[in-house]
N, C-alpha and C. Protein backbone atom coordinates (compact mmCIF):
# COMPACT_ATOMS: atom_id res chain seq x y z
N MET A 1 6.97 22.43 -2.48
CA MET A 1 8.21 22.83 -2.07
C MET A 1 9.22 22.32 -2.87
N PHE A 2 9.23 21.07 -3.36
CA PHE A 2 10.28 20.47 -4.18
C PHE A 2 9.92 21.19 -5.66
N LEU A 3 8.57 21.31 -6.04
CA LEU A 3 8.53 22.10 -7.32
C LEU A 3 9.30 23.40 -7.23
N ILE A 4 9.61 24.07 -6.32
CA ILE A 4 10.05 25.16 -6.33
C ILE A 4 11.67 24.99 -6.31
N VAL A 5 12.16 24.01 -5.95
CA VAL A 5 13.45 23.52 -6.15
C VAL A 5 13.77 23.03 -7.56
N LEU A 6 12.74 22.63 -8.02
CA LEU A 6 12.79 21.90 -9.30
C LEU A 6 12.84 23.08 -10.53
N PHE A 7 12.02 23.87 -10.19
CA PHE A 7 11.58 25.04 -11.48
C PHE A 7 12.27 26.58 -11.24
N SER A 8 12.68 26.73 -10.06
CA SER A 8 13.11 28.09 -9.87
C SER A 8 14.45 28.23 -9.85
N TYR A 9 14.71 29.24 -10.21
CA TYR A 9 16.24 29.85 -10.56
C TYR A 9 16.51 30.86 -9.51
N ASN A 10 15.54 31.42 -8.56
CA ASN A 10 15.49 32.34 -7.85
C ASN A 10 16.26 31.85 -6.63
N PHE A 11 17.58 32.49 -6.31
CA PHE A 11 18.16 31.94 -4.90
C PHE A 11 17.39 32.17 -3.73
N TYR A 12 16.36 33.06 -3.42
CA TYR A 12 15.67 33.23 -2.28
C TYR A 12 14.45 32.29 -2.36
N MET A 13 13.75 32.22 -3.49
CA MET A 13 12.86 31.04 -3.53
C MET A 13 13.23 29.48 -2.98
N ILE A 14 14.64 29.43 -3.79
CA ILE A 14 14.97 28.03 -3.38
C ILE A 14 15.72 27.86 -1.77
N PHE A 15 16.24 28.89 -1.47
CA PHE A 15 16.53 28.97 0.16
C PHE A 15 15.41 29.14 0.94
N GLY A 16 14.22 29.55 0.58
CA GLY A 16 13.16 29.41 1.35
C GLY A 16 12.37 28.28 1.47
N ALA A 17 12.56 27.49 0.23
CA ALA A 17 11.98 26.33 0.15
C ALA A 17 12.83 25.16 1.02
N TRP A 18 14.12 25.35 0.94
CA TRP A 18 14.92 24.51 1.84
C TRP A 18 14.93 24.78 3.32
N PHE A 19 14.74 25.86 3.60
CA PHE A 19 14.59 26.44 4.98
C PHE A 19 13.13 25.83 5.58
N CYS A 20 11.97 25.72 4.53
CA CYS A 20 10.69 25.22 5.18
C CYS A 20 11.03 23.65 5.24
N TYR A 21 11.70 22.94 4.41
CA TYR A 21 12.02 21.34 4.61
C TYR A 21 12.91 21.06 5.77
N GLY A 22 13.78 21.97 6.01
CA GLY A 22 14.51 21.73 7.44
C GLY A 22 13.49 21.73 8.62
N ILE A 23 12.68 23.13 8.56
CA ILE A 23 11.76 23.08 9.70
C ILE A 23 10.97 21.92 9.74
N ALA A 24 10.46 21.40 8.68
CA ALA A 24 9.31 20.28 8.51
C ALA A 24 10.33 18.92 9.19
N ALA A 25 11.35 18.92 8.74
CA ALA A 25 12.24 17.68 9.17
C ALA A 25 12.28 17.92 10.66
N ALA A 26 12.76 19.02 11.22
CA ALA A 26 13.03 19.16 12.42
C ALA A 26 11.89 18.80 13.41
N LEU A 27 10.58 19.26 12.90
CA LEU A 27 9.23 19.08 13.70
C LEU A 27 8.53 17.55 13.27
N ASP A 28 9.27 16.76 12.48
CA ASP A 28 8.74 15.44 12.00
C ASP A 28 7.96 14.80 13.14
N SER A 29 7.00 14.28 13.12
CA SER A 29 6.13 13.83 14.45
C SER A 29 6.20 12.60 14.80
N GLY A 30 6.89 11.76 13.74
CA GLY A 30 7.03 10.27 14.13
C GLY A 30 5.83 9.50 14.58
N THR A 31 4.89 9.59 13.91
CA THR A 31 3.39 9.34 14.65
C THR A 31 3.42 7.89 15.02
N LEU A 32 3.93 7.10 14.05
CA LEU A 32 3.89 5.39 14.11
C LEU A 32 5.04 5.16 15.38
N ASP A 33 5.68 5.74 15.48
CA ASP A 33 6.96 5.32 16.60
C ASP A 33 6.10 5.87 17.99
N VAL A 34 5.47 6.83 17.83
CA VAL A 34 4.65 7.37 19.21
C VAL A 34 3.76 6.36 19.54
N TYR A 35 3.10 5.88 18.46
CA TYR A 35 2.05 4.93 18.74
C TYR A 35 2.63 3.59 19.29
N ILE A 36 3.63 3.24 18.85
CA ILE A 36 4.09 1.88 19.30
C ILE A 36 4.68 2.09 20.74
N ILE A 37 5.38 3.07 20.90
CA ILE A 37 5.87 3.40 22.50
C ILE A 37 4.74 3.48 23.27
N ASN A 38 3.84 4.32 22.89
CA ASN A 38 2.72 4.19 23.87
C ASN A 38 2.15 2.91 24.08
N GLN A 39 1.77 2.18 23.14
CA GLN A 39 1.28 0.91 23.18
C GLN A 39 2.10 -0.18 24.32
N LEU A 40 3.47 -0.08 24.03
CA LEU A 40 4.39 -0.87 25.02
C LEU A 40 4.29 -0.15 26.33
N LYS A 41 4.23 1.08 26.52
CA LYS A 41 4.03 1.64 27.97
C LYS A 41 2.80 1.14 28.64
N LEU A 42 1.78 1.18 27.78
CA LEU A 42 0.32 0.87 28.10
C LEU A 42 0.37 -0.75 28.73
N ALA A 43 1.24 -1.53 28.00
CA ALA A 43 1.09 -3.09 28.20
C ALA A 43 2.18 -3.32 29.31
N HIS A 44 2.93 -2.22 29.87
CA HIS A 44 3.93 -2.21 30.68
C HIS A 44 4.98 -3.28 30.43
N ARG A 45 5.57 -3.11 29.09
CA ARG A 45 6.45 -3.93 28.56
C ARG A 45 7.71 -3.28 28.48
N GLU A 46 8.53 -2.88 29.68
CA GLU A 46 9.54 -1.98 29.56
C GLU A 46 10.90 -2.60 28.87
N SER A 47 10.98 -3.91 29.17
CA SER A 47 12.37 -4.41 28.21
C SER A 47 11.84 -4.39 26.78
N ASP A 48 10.67 -4.67 26.31
CA ASP A 48 10.40 -4.43 24.79
C ASP A 48 10.67 -3.00 24.26
N LEU A 49 10.05 -2.03 25.25
CA LEU A 49 10.20 -0.77 24.84
C LEU A 49 11.81 -0.13 24.79
N GLN A 50 12.69 -0.72 25.68
CA GLN A 50 14.08 -0.54 25.54
C GLN A 50 14.59 -1.06 24.40
N ARG A 51 14.10 -2.31 23.92
CA ARG A 51 14.60 -2.94 22.63
C ARG A 51 14.16 -2.27 21.49
N PHE A 52 12.90 -1.82 21.35
CA PHE A 52 12.41 -1.07 20.54
C PHE A 52 13.08 0.23 19.97
N LEU A 53 13.23 1.05 21.31
CA LEU A 53 14.15 2.23 21.10
C LEU A 53 15.60 2.11 20.53
N VAL A 54 16.15 1.28 21.05
CA VAL A 54 17.81 1.15 20.58
C VAL A 54 17.45 0.64 18.99
N LEU A 55 16.70 -0.07 18.67
CA LEU A 55 16.38 -0.73 17.45
C LEU A 55 16.13 0.43 16.43
N SER A 56 15.06 1.23 16.97
CA SER A 56 14.72 2.17 16.13
C SER A 56 15.83 3.36 15.81
N ASN A 57 16.42 3.59 16.91
CA ASN A 57 17.61 4.38 16.74
C ASN A 57 18.70 3.78 15.66
N ARG A 58 19.00 2.54 15.73
CA ARG A 58 19.98 1.92 14.75
C ARG A 58 19.67 1.91 13.55
N LEU A 59 18.37 1.66 13.31
CA LEU A 59 17.88 1.58 11.88
C LEU A 59 17.80 3.10 11.28
N GLU A 60 17.28 4.02 12.19
CA GLU A 60 17.36 5.17 11.58
C GLU A 60 18.45 5.88 11.31
N ILE A 61 19.59 5.51 12.00
CA ILE A 61 21.19 5.74 11.63
C ILE A 61 21.68 5.38 10.55
N ILE A 62 21.33 3.87 10.53
CA ILE A 62 21.76 3.21 9.11
C ILE A 62 20.92 3.62 7.78
N GLY A 63 19.62 3.94 7.94
CA GLY A 63 18.90 4.36 6.88
C GLY A 63 19.25 5.61 6.37
N LEU A 64 19.86 6.86 7.34
CA LEU A 64 20.38 8.03 6.96
C LEU A 64 21.51 7.83 6.23
N LEU A 65 22.47 6.95 6.73
CA LEU A 65 23.75 6.55 6.28
C LEU A 65 23.56 6.15 4.78
N ILE A 66 22.87 5.15 4.65
CA ILE A 66 22.65 4.48 3.12
C ILE A 66 21.62 5.47 2.18
N GLY A 67 20.86 6.26 2.85
CA GLY A 67 19.97 7.13 2.16
C GLY A 67 20.88 8.30 1.65
N SER A 68 21.59 9.00 2.34
CA SER A 68 22.47 10.25 2.04
C SER A 68 23.54 9.59 1.00
N SER A 69 24.17 8.54 1.40
CA SER A 69 25.30 7.98 0.28
C SER A 69 24.70 7.44 -0.88
N LEU A 70 23.52 6.84 -1.01
CA LEU A 70 22.96 6.60 -2.06
C LEU A 70 22.39 7.76 -3.09
N GLY A 71 21.70 8.65 -2.28
CA GLY A 71 21.26 9.90 -2.88
C GLY A 71 22.39 10.57 -3.40
N GLY A 72 23.45 10.73 -2.78
CA GLY A 72 24.57 11.59 -3.53
C GLY A 72 25.23 10.76 -4.86
N ILE A 73 25.35 9.64 -4.75
CA ILE A 73 25.58 8.83 -5.85
C ILE A 73 24.74 8.74 -7.01
N LEU A 74 23.21 8.52 -6.78
CA LEU A 74 22.24 8.77 -7.75
C LEU A 74 22.10 10.20 -8.19
N TYR A 75 22.39 10.93 -7.48
CA TYR A 75 22.23 12.47 -8.20
C TYR A 75 23.31 12.63 -9.25
N GLN A 76 24.50 11.86 -9.28
CA GLN A 76 25.39 12.19 -10.25
C GLN A 76 24.88 11.51 -11.61
N PHE A 77 24.10 10.57 -11.41
CA PHE A 77 23.37 9.86 -12.77
C PHE A 77 22.09 10.51 -13.06
N ILE A 78 21.21 10.74 -12.09
CA ILE A 78 19.71 11.01 -12.58
C ILE A 78 19.49 12.47 -12.32
N GLY A 79 20.52 13.41 -11.70
CA GLY A 79 20.26 14.81 -11.41
C GLY A 79 19.07 15.05 -10.69
N ILE A 80 18.45 16.27 -11.30
CA ILE A 80 17.31 16.71 -10.43
C ILE A 80 15.97 15.76 -10.49
N ASN A 81 15.99 14.66 -11.24
CA ASN A 81 15.03 13.52 -11.24
C ASN A 81 15.06 12.61 -10.00
N ILE A 82 15.90 13.12 -9.01
CA ILE A 82 15.91 12.43 -7.72
C ILE A 82 14.83 12.67 -6.93
N TYR A 83 14.44 13.89 -7.41
CA TYR A 83 13.12 14.36 -6.38
C TYR A 83 11.84 13.58 -6.86
N VAL A 84 11.78 13.12 -8.19
CA VAL A 84 10.50 12.28 -8.98
C VAL A 84 10.91 10.85 -7.75
N LEU A 85 12.15 10.48 -7.73
CA LEU A 85 12.39 9.12 -7.10
C LEU A 85 11.82 9.40 -5.74
N ARG A 86 12.19 10.35 -5.03
CA ARG A 86 11.79 10.60 -3.46
C ARG A 86 10.31 10.79 -3.49
N THR A 87 9.78 11.39 -4.46
CA THR A 87 8.28 11.49 -4.29
C THR A 87 7.65 9.98 -4.25
N THR A 88 8.07 9.16 -5.29
CA THR A 88 7.86 7.90 -5.47
C THR A 88 7.85 7.12 -4.33
N PHE A 89 9.04 7.10 -3.52
CA PHE A 89 9.12 6.16 -2.27
C PHE A 89 8.52 6.86 -1.38
N LEU A 90 8.02 8.25 -1.15
CA LEU A 90 7.05 8.84 -0.35
C LEU A 90 5.89 8.34 -0.44
N ALA A 91 5.31 8.29 -1.51
CA ALA A 91 3.89 7.89 -1.74
C ALA A 91 3.83 6.29 -1.42
N ALA A 92 4.91 5.60 -1.90
CA ALA A 92 4.85 3.94 -1.43
C ALA A 92 4.95 3.92 -0.21
N SER A 93 5.60 4.58 0.87
CA SER A 93 5.66 4.43 2.33
C SER A 93 4.30 4.85 2.97
N THR A 94 3.75 5.98 2.51
CA THR A 94 2.41 6.48 2.83
C THR A 94 1.38 5.02 2.47
N LEU A 95 1.30 4.60 1.18
CA LEU A 95 0.33 3.65 1.08
C LEU A 95 0.57 2.35 1.79
N VAL A 96 1.85 2.01 2.02
CA VAL A 96 2.05 0.63 3.01
C VAL A 96 1.49 1.13 4.43
N SER A 97 1.96 2.31 4.80
CA SER A 97 1.58 2.62 6.24
C SER A 97 -0.30 2.58 6.17
N PHE A 98 -0.62 3.16 5.23
CA PHE A 98 -2.12 3.20 5.13
C PHE A 98 -2.97 1.84 5.16
N PHE A 99 -2.42 0.91 4.30
CA PHE A 99 -3.07 -0.28 4.10
C PHE A 99 -2.65 -1.02 4.92
N PHE A 100 -1.65 -1.25 5.55
CA PHE A 100 -0.94 -2.36 6.29
C PHE A 100 -0.80 -2.23 7.68
N PHE A 101 -0.84 -1.05 8.26
CA PHE A 101 -0.71 -0.50 9.58
C PHE A 101 -2.18 -0.56 10.21
N LYS A 102 -2.49 -1.38 11.19
CA LYS A 102 -3.65 -1.61 11.84
C LYS A 102 -3.52 -0.82 13.32
N GLU A 103 -4.22 0.11 13.56
CA GLU A 103 -4.23 0.80 14.85
C GLU A 103 -5.41 0.54 15.93
N ARG A 104 -5.03 0.11 16.99
CA ARG A 104 -5.92 -0.33 17.91
C ARG A 104 -6.30 1.01 18.81
N MET A 105 -7.35 1.77 18.43
CA MET A 105 -7.72 2.99 18.98
C MET A 105 -8.26 2.70 20.39
N LYS A 106 -7.91 3.49 21.50
CA LYS A 106 -8.36 3.58 22.61
C LYS A 106 -9.85 4.51 22.61
N SER A 107 -10.99 3.87 22.78
CA SER A 107 -12.11 4.68 22.61
C SER A 107 -12.02 5.75 23.74
N PHE A 108 -12.70 6.85 23.38
CA PHE A 108 -12.75 7.87 24.39
C PHE A 108 -14.39 8.33 24.33
N GLY A 109 -14.87 8.80 25.48
CA GLY A 109 -16.15 9.19 25.59
C GLY A 109 -16.88 10.38 24.59
N LEU A 110 -17.99 10.58 24.37
CA LEU A 110 -18.44 11.50 23.58
C LEU A 110 -18.16 12.90 24.34
N GLN A 111 -18.06 12.91 25.61
CA GLN A 111 -17.91 14.23 26.39
C GLN A 111 -16.40 14.75 26.03
N GLU A 112 -15.37 13.95 25.58
CA GLU A 112 -14.08 14.39 25.46
C GLU A 112 -13.70 14.72 24.09
N SER A 113 -13.46 15.74 23.83
CA SER A 113 -13.36 16.18 22.42
C SER A 113 -11.78 15.88 22.03
N HIS A 114 -11.62 16.26 20.88
CA HIS A 114 -10.05 15.65 20.29
C HIS A 114 -9.24 16.76 20.98
N VAL A 115 -9.80 18.03 20.93
CA VAL A 115 -9.02 19.27 21.70
C VAL A 115 -8.52 18.65 23.21
N THR A 116 -9.32 18.18 23.88
CA THR A 116 -9.24 17.74 25.26
C THR A 116 -7.79 16.42 25.03
N VAL A 117 -8.36 15.65 24.48
CA VAL A 117 -7.33 14.50 24.24
C VAL A 117 -6.02 15.15 23.99
N LEU A 118 -5.67 16.01 22.97
CA LEU A 118 -4.47 16.62 22.46
C LEU A 118 -3.74 17.36 23.69
N LYS A 119 -4.48 18.08 24.11
CA LYS A 119 -4.13 19.05 25.65
C LYS A 119 -3.65 17.87 26.54
N LYS A 120 -4.08 17.00 26.92
CA LYS A 120 -3.83 15.65 27.88
C LYS A 120 -2.40 15.06 27.65
N GLN A 121 -2.43 14.78 26.19
CA GLN A 121 -1.22 14.49 25.55
C GLN A 121 0.15 15.28 25.68
N ILE A 122 -0.08 16.60 25.42
CA ILE A 122 0.86 17.45 25.64
C ILE A 122 1.16 17.72 27.02
N GLN A 123 0.31 17.72 27.89
CA GLN A 123 0.57 17.93 29.27
C GLN A 123 1.49 16.42 29.63
N GLU A 124 1.11 15.48 29.26
CA GLU A 124 1.94 14.16 29.71
C GLU A 124 3.13 14.27 29.18
N SER A 125 3.57 14.70 27.96
CA SER A 125 4.70 14.72 27.25
C SER A 125 5.63 15.71 28.03
N PHE A 126 5.26 17.16 28.50
CA PHE A 126 5.92 17.66 29.23
C PHE A 126 6.23 17.52 30.87
N LYS A 127 5.65 16.53 31.09
CA LYS A 127 5.64 15.84 32.52
C LYS A 127 6.85 14.92 32.45
N GLU A 128 6.80 14.03 31.30
CA GLU A 128 7.60 13.09 31.18
C GLU A 128 9.21 13.61 30.71
N LEU A 129 9.11 15.02 29.87
CA LEU A 129 10.49 15.59 29.76
C LEU A 129 10.98 16.05 31.23
N ARG A 130 10.29 16.80 31.98
CA ARG A 130 10.72 17.08 33.03
C ARG A 130 11.15 15.92 34.29
N ARG A 131 10.43 14.76 33.88
CA ARG A 131 10.94 13.62 34.77
C ARG A 131 12.43 13.05 34.21
N GLN A 132 12.62 13.22 32.96
CA GLN A 132 13.74 12.57 32.22
C GLN A 132 14.88 13.55 31.63
N LEU A 133 15.73 13.98 32.55
CA LEU A 133 16.50 15.18 32.12
C LEU A 133 17.31 14.74 30.76
N ARG A 134 17.68 13.45 30.71
CA ARG A 134 18.35 12.96 29.47
C ARG A 134 17.55 13.08 28.09
N LEU A 135 16.41 12.77 28.40
CA LEU A 135 15.30 13.02 27.22
C LEU A 135 15.48 14.59 26.72
N SER A 136 15.19 15.38 27.68
CA SER A 136 15.21 16.96 27.12
C SER A 136 16.43 17.31 26.57
N VAL A 137 17.79 16.71 27.09
CA VAL A 137 18.89 17.09 26.45
C VAL A 137 18.94 16.46 25.24
N ILE A 138 18.62 15.45 24.98
CA ILE A 138 18.59 14.69 23.66
C ILE A 138 17.49 15.67 22.50
N LEU A 139 16.22 16.03 22.92
CA LEU A 139 15.51 16.67 22.31
C LEU A 139 16.04 17.96 21.87
N ILE A 140 16.79 18.72 22.69
CA ILE A 140 17.26 19.99 22.57
C ILE A 140 18.71 19.85 21.46
N PHE A 141 19.36 18.80 21.69
CA PHE A 141 20.36 18.60 20.82
C PHE A 141 19.72 18.28 19.21
N ASP A 142 18.46 17.53 19.31
CA ASP A 142 18.08 17.02 18.03
C ASP A 142 17.48 18.17 17.17
N PHE A 143 16.90 19.24 17.98
CA PHE A 143 16.43 20.59 17.43
C PHE A 143 17.54 21.27 16.95
N LEU A 144 18.71 21.36 17.62
CA LEU A 144 19.89 22.24 17.20
C LEU A 144 20.55 21.64 15.81
N THR A 145 20.54 20.47 16.01
CA THR A 145 21.43 19.82 14.64
C THR A 145 20.47 19.89 13.56
N GLN A 146 19.16 19.76 13.62
CA GLN A 146 18.53 20.17 12.65
C GLN A 146 18.50 21.60 11.86
N ILE A 147 18.53 22.75 13.03
CA ILE A 147 18.63 24.03 12.48
C ILE A 147 20.16 23.85 11.80
N PHE A 148 21.15 23.51 12.60
CA PHE A 148 22.36 23.46 11.95
C PHE A 148 22.45 22.94 10.50
N PHE A 149 22.01 21.62 10.48
CA PHE A 149 21.92 21.16 9.00
C PHE A 149 21.06 21.88 8.00
């Protein structure tokens, strides 16, 4: 996708690449966040869960502000090579997560397939969305802002 932006001069190709990027950002899974939230829920540590969510949201906003400001400034100096910098940071964060994040897996029996586990997770997610109206509204606005941007 970023190679298209780097090497293409076709408006529609660049538009398509940025559209795909926007959709990917909107559907970003947040897998590590979900894992930590589920572990806190399983441990019945609601106060820690609330602190984690507040801290996570604050850090995300601060990171977005710093990243967008710094990216705008750096683009003036390094131009299109900002994508090389982005790819380097992406690789570094992936490697840090891969080597230093230790996940304690809940073991499932052999009779439960990954599809069954996924279906249960989706059902539980929809149940939680129905129970918490505020969460549903936040999710809807999050999708709308991603489409807008």
